[in-house]
Amino acid sequence: MKPFLLLAIRAEDAAADNEYASFQTLAGLAEGELRRIRLEQRPLGDIDLRDWSGILLGGGPFNFTDPEDSKSPVQRRVEADLLRLLDAITAADFPFLGACYGIGALGRHQGAVLGRRFAEPVGAIQVTLTAAGQRDPLLAPMPATFDAFTGHKEAISQLPGHAVLLASSAGCPVQMFRVGSCVYATQFHAELDVAGLCTRTDVYKHAGYFDPGQADEIKAQARRSNVTWPPVILRQFVQRFTRSGPEAEPGSGRPPAPAVSSRRPGLCRAALAYPSLLHDAGRQR
């Protein structure tokens, strides 16, 4: 099996390690099937999409709508690395699922309108699938409405015409969208369970998401919530896009996915085939 790649931006080890463990466990991935690059620690470098089944992008404290003069060199470098990678991902229609910061990255790359109008507090919300969402294969097992954890300072207020709106909430019009057939992003956290939300509440108590005095109540409300469905999206993503073997069927005329190089700006479009069955775990790098 080709592993999945998690791109992370959380500088705090407790939050970063909890995020990794949550993605791995809730997606149903075994040891070695999910690798991680902590972008706040080092540049992305060259990524060859042929090495991976799919790419996941988690959340964190960065916002694309932060004033430019307030962004650190690390934040600017992370944005540039991700936008360059998304050039290749969208050109190839390569499996991608971004959460929270990930929807900002894909939204910015695709020309969506980002702003602070539809920020949501930390906690559980009700998400409603659109008609397109109810038809989407990634969301096929999901009910029309479900609860999910969120908490964000920026959000998309308007999608470009080619993007497909898949889910909304009362406080945020774009909770999930798709570009092409395989490129997805959610505003809510599909990887977040109660334990994870409590961990992040403690880590980011003074990060401006909520009044620090509300931390205990936020955790208590999380424990009373009914957030069970979002991890299904992760499992569907893994089951749908896990692949092994050649990047294209012999004689199909389909080229392999392009490599992403920091030294080579030219990118080509690739049509890919992805088996939906899980295979034996790949070798840990």
Foldseek 3Di string as FASTA:
>chain_A
DQAEEEEEAAPDPLLVVLLVVLLCVLLVHDPQRYYYDHLLVDAPFWFFLLRHLAYEYEDYLDAPPDPPVPDDPSNVRVLVRLLLVVVQCLLAVHAYEYEAVGCRSVQVSQVFDKDQQLFDAWAKFKKAFDPVLCVQQLCVVPDRIAIFTAFHRMATPGGPPQKAQTMQGPRHRGQKIDHDRRHIYGHTDLSDALVSSLSVCVVCLPVPRDPNVCSVVRSVRRVVDDHDPSSSSSNSSCLQRDADDDFADPPPPWDHRGMRHPVDSDHHYTHTDGHRHDDDRDDRD
